[in-house]
Amino acid sequence: MAQLDPTEALAQAQRLGARTQRSARWLARYYVIFGIASMLIALGFGLLRGRTWALVLSGVWLVLVLGISLYSSRQQTMVRGGGRIHAGVMAAWTVIWVITVTVGASNDLPWPWWLAGGVGMLASPLVGAWVVLRRTEAAQ
């Protein structure tokens, strides 16, 4: 094995680190897709009433979650602090989802309620995407 010049070894390590950081941007895409889908599904529940529509929308949601879960499982890098970011995003999203669904369904609220809840559900993933992009921007 040939020995590397220490300067070249450091440069190579920095290039690999930057490439790894850039490849962790997949998480921002994941959050944007998840957030937009959450908003659209919530709005769908507000606009489309009845058991049949509830089953259709739930099926669409299940397919989407399975799809983005498969996408995320195939990624090989994670942004620094990615576990904490993800926990925070999902905790905030879950609180907003529970409020939206519990209040909206139990009071049979109209579509503006569901749209507002969907926008709330979109907000936490967008904040997560922003944090991920901020942490990976140094790799440009």
N, C-alpha and C. Protein backbone atom coordinates (compact mmCIF):
# COMPACT_ATOMS: atom_id res chain seq x y z
N MET A 1 0.84 -1.15 0.00
CA MET A 1 0.00 0.00 0.00
C MET A 1 0.90 1.24 0.00
N ALA A 2 0.65 2.12 -0.92
CA ALA A 2 1.45 3.33 -1.01
C ALA A 2 1.01 4.32 0.05
N GLN A 3 1.99 5.01 0.61
CA GLN A 3 1.67 6.01 1.62
C GLN A 3 1.25 7.30 0.94
N LEU A 4 0.22 7.92 1.49
CA LEU A 4 -0.24 9.20 0.98
C LEU A 4 0.50 10.33 1.68
N ASP A 5 0.69 11.37 0.95
CA ASP A 5 1.20 12.61 1.53
C ASP A 5 0.15 13.08 2.54
N PRO A 6 0.55 13.51 3.74
CA PRO A 6 -0.45 13.95 4.73
C PRO A 6 -1.38 15.03 4.21
N THR A 7 -0.87 15.93 3.40
CA THR A 7 -1.72 16.99 2.85
C THR A 7 -2.76 16.40 1.91
N GLU A 8 -2.33 15.45 1.08
CA GLU A 8 -3.27 14.80 0.15
C GLU A 8 -4.30 13.96 0.91
N ALA A 9 -3.87 13.29 1.98
CA ALA A 9 -4.79 12.49 2.78
C ALA A 9 -5.85 13.39 3.43
N LEU A 10 -5.44 14.55 3.93
CA LEU A 10 -6.38 15.49 4.52
C LEU A 10 -7.36 16.02 3.48
N ALA A 11 -6.85 16.36 2.31
CA ALA A 11 -7.72 16.84 1.23
C ALA A 11 -8.72 15.77 0.82
N GLN A 12 -8.26 14.52 0.73
CA GLN A 12 -9.16 13.42 0.37
C GLN A 12 -10.24 13.23 1.44
N ALA A 13 -9.86 13.32 2.70
CA ALA A 13 -10.83 13.19 3.79
C ALA A 13 -11.86 14.31 3.73
N GLN A 14 -11.43 15.52 3.41
CA GLN A 14 -12.36 16.65 3.31
C GLN A 14 -13.31 16.47 2.13
N ARG A 15 -12.80 15.96 1.00
CA ARG A 15 -13.67 15.71 -0.16
C ARG A 15 -14.71 14.64 0.17
N LEU A 16 -14.28 13.59 0.83
CA LEU A 16 -15.22 12.52 1.20
C LEU A 16 -16.26 13.03 2.20
N GLY A 17 -15.84 13.85 3.15
CA GLY A 17 -16.78 14.41 4.12
C GLY A 17 -17.81 15.30 3.45
N ALA A 18 -17.36 16.13 2.50
CA ALA A 18 -18.29 17.02 1.78
C ALA A 18 -19.26 16.20 0.95
N ARG A 19 -18.78 15.14 0.30
CA ARG A 19 -19.66 14.29 -0.51
C ARG A 19 -20.69 13.59 0.37
N THR A 20 -20.28 13.15 1.53
CA THR A 20 -21.20 12.51 2.46
C THR A 20 -22.26 13.50 2.93
N GLN A 21 -21.83 14.73 3.24
CA GLN A 21 -22.80 15.75 3.67
C GLN A 21 -23.81 16.03 2.57
N ARG A 22 -23.34 16.19 1.34
CA ARG A 22 -24.26 16.47 0.23
C ARG A 22 -25.24 15.33 0.04
N SER A 23 -24.77 14.11 0.18
CA SER A 23 -25.66 12.97 -0.04
C SER A 23 -26.71 12.83 1.05
N ALA A 24 -26.53 13.52 2.18
CA ALA A 24 -27.51 13.47 3.26
C ALA A 24 -28.70 14.38 2.99
N ARG A 25 -28.69 15.11 1.88
CA ARG A 25 -29.81 16.00 1.55
C ARG A 25 -31.08 15.24 1.18
N TRP A 26 -30.98 13.95 1.02
CA TRP A 26 -32.17 13.15 0.72
C TRP A 26 -33.24 13.37 1.79
N LEU A 27 -32.80 13.62 3.02
CA LEU A 27 -33.74 13.78 4.12
C LEU A 27 -34.62 15.01 3.93
N ALA A 28 -34.06 16.06 3.34
CA ALA A 28 -34.86 17.26 3.06
C ALA A 28 -35.95 16.93 2.04
N ARG A 29 -35.60 16.17 0.99
CA ARG A 29 -36.61 15.75 0.00
C ARG A 29 -37.69 14.90 0.66
N TYR A 30 -37.29 14.00 1.53
CA TYR A 30 -38.22 13.15 2.26
C TYR A 30 -39.22 14.02 3.03
N TYR A 31 -38.72 15.03 3.75
CA TYR A 31 -39.60 15.89 4.55
C TYR A 31 -40.56 16.69 3.68
N VAL A 32 -40.08 17.19 2.56
CA VAL A 32 -40.96 17.98 1.68
C VAL A 32 -42.08 17.09 1.14
N ILE A 33 -41.75 15.90 0.68
CA ILE A 33 -42.76 14.98 0.16
C ILE A 33 -43.75 14.60 1.26
N PHE A 34 -43.23 14.27 2.43
CA PHE A 34 -44.09 13.88 3.55
C PHE A 34 -45.02 15.03 3.95
N GLY A 35 -44.50 16.24 4.01
CA GLY A 35 -45.30 17.38 4.42
C GLY A 35 -46.39 17.72 3.42
N ILE A 36 -46.05 17.74 2.14
CA ILE A 36 -47.05 18.04 1.11
C ILE A 36 -48.13 16.96 1.09
N ALA A 37 -47.72 15.72 1.18
CA ALA A 37 -48.69 14.63 1.20
C ALA A 37 -49.61 14.72 2.42
N SER A 38 -49.05 15.08 3.56
CA SER A 38 -49.87 15.24 4.78
C SER A 38 -50.94 16.30 4.58
N MET A 39 -50.52 17.43 4.00
CA MET A 39 -51.47 18.52 3.78
C MET A 39 -52.58 18.08 2.81
N LEU A 40 -52.19 17.42 1.72
CA LEU A 40 -53.19 17.00 0.73
C LEU A 40 -54.14 15.94 1.28
N ILE A 41 -53.62 15.00 2.05
CA ILE A 41 -54.47 13.97 2.64
C ILE A 41 -55.44 14.60 3.63
N ALA A 42 -54.94 15.52 4.47
CA ALA A 42 -55.83 16.19 5.43
C ALA A 42 -56.93 16.95 4.69
N LEU A 43 -56.56 17.67 3.65
CA LEU A 43 -57.57 18.40 2.86
C LEU A 43 -58.55 17.42 2.22
N GLY A 44 -58.03 16.29 1.76
CA GLY A 44 -58.90 15.26 1.19
C GLY A 44 -59.94 14.78 2.19
N PHE A 45 -59.54 14.60 3.44
CA PHE A 45 -60.50 14.19 4.46
C PHE A 45 -61.55 15.27 4.71
N GLY A 46 -61.18 16.53 4.52
CA GLY A 46 -62.14 17.60 4.71
C GLY A 46 -63.11 17.75 3.56
N LEU A 47 -62.64 17.44 2.35
CA LEU A 47 -63.47 17.62 1.15
C LEU A 47 -64.28 16.38 0.78
N LEU A 48 -63.72 15.21 1.01
CA LEU A 48 -64.34 13.96 0.56
C LEU A 48 -64.88 13.21 1.78
N ARG A 49 -66.17 13.21 1.91
CA ARG A 49 -66.81 12.62 3.10
C ARG A 49 -67.25 11.19 2.83
N GLY A 50 -67.40 10.45 3.88
CA GLY A 50 -67.94 9.10 3.78
C GLY A 50 -66.88 8.03 4.02
N ARG A 51 -67.39 6.86 4.35
CA ARG A 51 -66.52 5.72 4.68
C ARG A 51 -65.66 5.30 3.49
N THR A 52 -66.24 5.30 2.29
CA THR A 52 -65.48 4.88 1.11
C THR A 52 -64.28 5.79 0.89
N TRP A 53 -64.50 7.11 0.96
CA TRP A 53 -63.41 8.05 0.77
C TRP A 53 -62.38 7.93 1.88
N ALA A 54 -62.83 7.66 3.09
CA ALA A 54 -61.89 7.48 4.20
C ALA A 54 -60.98 6.29 3.94
N LEU A 55 -61.56 5.21 3.41
CA LEU A 55 -60.76 4.03 3.09
C LEU A 55 -59.79 4.30 1.94
N VAL A 56 -60.27 5.00 0.91
CA VAL A 56 -59.40 5.32 -0.23
C VAL A 56 -58.24 6.21 0.21
N LEU A 57 -58.55 7.27 0.95
CA LEU A 57 -57.50 8.18 1.41
C LEU A 57 -56.52 7.48 2.35
N SER A 58 -57.04 6.61 3.20
CA SER A 58 -56.15 5.86 4.09
C SER A 58 -55.24 4.93 3.29
N GLY A 59 -55.77 4.32 2.25
CA GLY A 59 -54.95 3.47 1.39
C GLY A 59 -53.87 4.25 0.66
N VAL A 60 -54.24 5.41 0.15
CA VAL A 60 -53.26 6.27 -0.52
C VAL A 60 -52.16 6.67 0.47
N TRP A 61 -52.55 7.03 1.68
CA TRP A 61 -51.58 7.41 2.71
C TRP A 61 -50.65 6.24 3.03
N LEU A 62 -51.21 5.05 3.16
CA LEU A 62 -50.40 3.86 3.46
C LEU A 62 -49.38 3.61 2.36
N VAL A 63 -49.80 3.70 1.12
CA VAL A 63 -48.88 3.49 -0.01
C VAL A 63 -47.77 4.54 0.01
N LEU A 64 -48.14 5.78 0.26
CA LEU A 64 -47.14 6.84 0.31
C LEU A 64 -46.14 6.61 1.44
N VAL A 65 -46.61 6.30 2.62
CA VAL A 65 -45.71 6.08 3.75
C VAL A 65 -44.80 4.88 3.48
N LEU A 66 -45.34 3.83 2.92
CA LEU A 66 -44.50 2.68 2.57
C LEU A 66 -43.46 3.07 1.52
N GLY A 67 -43.86 3.86 0.54
CA GLY A 67 -42.93 4.28 -0.51
C GLY A 67 -41.79 5.14 0.01
N ILE A 68 -42.11 6.15 0.83
CA ILE A 68 -41.02 6.99 1.33
C ILE A 68 -40.20 6.27 2.40
N SER A 69 -40.80 5.30 3.07
CA SER A 69 -40.03 4.49 4.02
C SER A 69 -39.02 3.61 3.28
N LEU A 70 -39.45 3.03 2.16
CA LEU A 70 -38.53 2.25 1.34
C LEU A 70 -37.41 3.15 0.81
N TYR A 71 -37.77 4.34 0.34
CA TYR A 71 -36.79 5.30 -0.15
C TYR A 71 -35.77 5.62 0.94
N SER A 72 -36.25 5.90 2.15
CA SER A 72 -35.32 6.27 3.22
C SER A 72 -34.45 5.09 3.66
N SER A 73 -34.98 3.88 3.59
CA SER A 73 -34.19 2.72 4.01
C SER A 73 -33.04 2.42 3.05
N ARG A 74 -33.13 2.93 1.83
CA ARG A 74 -32.09 2.69 0.84
C ARG A 74 -30.98 3.75 0.87
N GLN A 75 -31.14 4.77 1.69
CA GLN A 75 -30.14 5.83 1.77
C GLN A 75 -29.00 5.40 2.69
N GLN A 76 -27.81 5.80 2.33
CA GLN A 76 -26.64 5.33 3.07
C GLN A 76 -26.00 6.39 3.96
N THR A 77 -26.52 7.60 3.92
CA THR A 77 -25.93 8.66 4.75
C THR A 77 -27.02 9.35 5.55
N MET A 78 -26.58 10.02 6.61
CA MET A 78 -27.51 10.78 7.44
C MET A 78 -26.82 12.07 7.84
N VAL A 79 -27.59 13.12 7.90
CA VAL A 79 -27.07 14.42 8.32
C VAL A 79 -26.71 14.36 9.80
N ARG A 80 -25.74 15.16 10.18
CA ARG A 80 -25.34 15.23 11.59
C ARG A 80 -26.56 15.62 12.43
N GLY A 81 -26.84 14.85 13.46
CA GLY A 81 -27.99 15.11 14.32
C GLY A 81 -29.31 14.69 13.70
N GLY A 82 -29.26 13.85 12.68
CA GLY A 82 -30.46 13.45 11.95
C GLY A 82 -31.50 12.76 12.81
N GLY A 83 -31.07 11.99 13.78
CA GLY A 83 -32.02 11.32 14.67
C GLY A 83 -32.83 12.30 15.50
N ARG A 84 -32.15 13.32 16.03
CA ARG A 84 -32.85 14.34 16.83
C ARG A 84 -33.76 15.18 15.94
N ILE A 85 -33.29 15.51 14.75
CA ILE A 85 -34.12 16.29 13.82
C ILE A 85 -35.39 15.51 13.51
N HIS A 86 -35.22 14.24 13.17
CA HIS A 86 -36.37 13.41 12.79
C HIS A 86 -37.34 13.25 13.96
N ALA A 87 -36.81 13.04 15.15
CA ALA A 87 -37.68 12.89 16.32
C ALA A 87 -38.48 14.17 16.56
N GLY A 88 -37.85 15.31 16.43
CA GLY A 88 -38.55 16.58 16.62
C GLY A 88 -39.61 16.82 15.57
N VAL A 89 -39.26 16.56 14.31
CA VAL A 89 -40.22 16.75 13.21
C VAL A 89 -41.43 15.84 13.41
N MET A 90 -41.19 14.58 13.69
CA MET A 90 -42.29 13.64 13.81
C MET A 90 -43.12 13.87 15.08
N ALA A 91 -42.49 14.31 16.15
CA ALA A 91 -43.25 14.63 17.37
C ALA A 91 -44.19 15.81 17.11
N ALA A 92 -43.67 16.87 16.49
CA ALA A 92 -44.51 18.03 16.18
C ALA A 92 -45.62 17.65 15.21
N TRP A 93 -45.27 16.89 14.17
CA TRP A 93 -46.26 16.47 13.18
C TRP A 93 -47.36 15.65 13.85
N THR A 94 -46.98 14.74 14.75
CA THR A 94 -47.95 13.87 15.41
C THR A 94 -48.91 14.68 16.28
N VAL A 95 -48.41 15.64 17.01
CA VAL A 95 -49.29 16.48 17.84
C VAL A 95 -50.30 17.21 16.96
N ILE A 96 -49.83 17.80 15.87
CA ILE A 96 -50.73 18.53 14.97
C ILE A 96 -51.73 17.57 14.32
N TRP A 97 -51.28 16.39 13.93
CA TRP A 97 -52.16 15.40 13.33
C TRP A 97 -53.25 14.98 14.32
N VAL A 98 -52.87 14.68 15.54
CA VAL A 98 -53.84 14.24 16.54
C VAL A 98 -54.88 15.33 16.78
N ILE A 99 -54.45 16.57 16.91
CA ILE A 99 -55.40 17.67 17.12
C ILE A 99 -56.32 17.81 15.92
N THR A 100 -55.74 17.79 14.71
CA THR A 100 -56.54 17.96 13.50
C THR A 100 -57.59 16.87 13.37
N VAL A 101 -57.19 15.63 13.52
CA VAL A 101 -58.11 14.52 13.32
C VAL A 101 -59.12 14.43 14.46
N THR A 102 -58.67 14.55 15.69
CA THR A 102 -59.58 14.42 16.83
C THR A 102 -60.65 15.50 16.83
N VAL A 103 -60.22 16.74 16.71
CA VAL A 103 -61.18 17.84 16.74
C VAL A 103 -62.02 17.85 15.46
N GLY A 104 -61.38 17.67 14.31
CA GLY A 104 -62.10 17.72 13.04
C GLY A 104 -63.13 16.62 12.88
N ALA A 105 -62.77 15.40 13.24
CA ALA A 105 -63.70 14.28 13.07
C ALA A 105 -64.80 14.28 14.13
N SER A 106 -64.45 14.62 15.36
CA SER A 106 -65.47 14.56 16.41
C SER A 106 -66.49 15.70 16.30
N ASN A 107 -66.12 16.78 15.64
CA ASN A 107 -67.04 17.91 15.48
C ASN A 107 -67.54 18.07 14.05
N ASP A 108 -67.18 17.12 13.20
CA ASP A 108 -67.58 17.14 11.79
C ASP A 108 -67.33 18.52 11.16
N LEU A 109 -66.10 18.99 11.32
CA LEU A 109 -65.75 20.33 10.86
C LEU A 109 -65.56 20.37 9.34
N PRO A 110 -65.81 21.52 8.73
CA PRO A 110 -65.69 21.64 7.27
C PRO A 110 -64.23 21.69 6.81
N TRP A 111 -64.07 21.70 5.49
CA TRP A 111 -62.76 21.60 4.88
C TRP A 111 -61.76 22.67 5.31
N PRO A 112 -62.13 23.91 5.64
CA PRO A 112 -61.09 24.86 6.06
C PRO A 112 -60.33 24.40 7.31
N TRP A 113 -61.02 23.70 8.20
CA TRP A 113 -60.33 23.16 9.38
C TRP A 113 -59.26 22.16 8.95
N TRP A 114 -59.62 21.29 8.02
CA TRP A 114 -58.70 20.26 7.57
C TRP A 114 -57.54 20.86 6.78
N LEU A 115 -57.82 21.91 6.03
CA LEU A 115 -56.75 22.60 5.32
C LEU A 115 -55.79 23.24 6.32
N ALA A 116 -56.32 23.90 7.34
CA ALA A 116 -55.47 24.52 8.36
C ALA A 116 -54.62 23.46 9.07
N GLY A 117 -55.25 22.33 9.40
CA GLY A 117 -54.49 21.24 10.02
C GLY A 117 -53.42 20.71 9.08
N GLY A 118 -53.76 20.60 7.80
CA GLY A 118 -52.78 20.14 6.82
C GLY A 118 -51.60 21.09 6.68
N VAL A 119 -51.89 22.38 6.71
CA VAL A 119 -50.81 23.37 6.66
C VAL A 119 -49.93 23.23 7.91
N GLY A 120 -50.56 23.00 9.04
CA GLY A 120 -49.79 22.76 10.26
C GLY A 120 -48.92 21.52 10.13
N MET A 121 -49.49 20.45 9.55
CA MET A 121 -48.72 19.23 9.35
C MET A 121 -47.59 19.43 8.34
N LEU A 122 -47.78 20.33 7.40
CA LEU A 122 -46.73 20.66 6.43
C LEU A 122 -45.60 21.45 7.09
N ALA A 123 -45.94 22.26 8.07
CA ALA A 123 -44.96 23.16 8.67
C ALA A 123 -43.78 22.43 9.32
N SER A 124 -44.06 21.41 10.12
CA SER A 124 -42.95 20.76 10.83
C SER A 124 -41.98 20.05 9.88
N PRO A 125 -42.44 19.35 8.84
CA PRO A 125 -41.47 18.78 7.90
C PRO A 125 -40.69 19.85 7.13
N LEU A 126 -41.33 20.98 6.83
CA LEU A 126 -40.59 22.04 6.13
C LEU A 126 -39.50 22.61 7.03
N VAL A 127 -39.77 22.76 8.31
CA VAL A 127 -38.73 23.21 9.23
C VAL A 127 -37.60 22.18 9.28
N GLY A 128 -37.97 20.90 9.32
CA GLY A 128 -36.95 19.84 9.30
C GLY A 128 -36.11 19.88 8.03
N ALA A 129 -36.75 20.10 6.88
CA ALA A 129 -36.01 20.19 5.62
C ALA A 129 -35.06 21.38 5.64
N TRP A 130 -35.51 22.50 6.19
CA TRP A 130 -34.67 23.69 6.29
C TRP A 130 -33.44 23.41 7.16
N VAL A 131 -33.64 22.73 8.29
CA VAL A 131 -32.52 22.40 9.18
C VAL A 131 -31.53 21.49 8.46
N VAL A 132 -32.04 20.48 7.76
CA VAL A 132 -31.16 19.56 7.03
C VAL A 132 -30.35 20.31 5.98
N LEU A 133 -31.01 21.17 5.23
CA LEU A 133 -30.30 21.92 4.19
C LEU A 133 -29.27 22.87 4.80
N ARG A 134 -29.58 23.47 5.92
CA ARG A 134 -28.60 24.35 6.59
C ARG A 134 -27.38 23.55 7.03
N ARG A 135 -27.60 22.35 7.51
CA ARG A 135 -26.47 21.54 7.98
C ARG A 135 -25.65 20.97 6.84
N THR A 136 -26.23 20.88 5.67
CA THR A 136 -25.49 20.31 4.53
C THR A 136 -25.00 21.36 3.56
N GLU A 137 -25.35 22.63 3.76
CA GLU A 137 -24.97 23.66 2.79
C GLU A 137 -23.48 23.92 2.76
N ALA A 138 -22.78 23.65 3.83
CA ALA A 138 -21.34 23.86 3.86
C ALA A 138 -20.62 22.93 2.88
N ALA A 139 -21.32 21.90 2.43
CA ALA A 139 -20.70 20.91 1.55
C ALA A 139 -20.77 21.31 0.09
N GLN A 140 -21.31 22.47 -0.22
CA GLN A 140 -21.47 22.86 -1.63
C GLN A 140 -20.17 23.15 -2.29
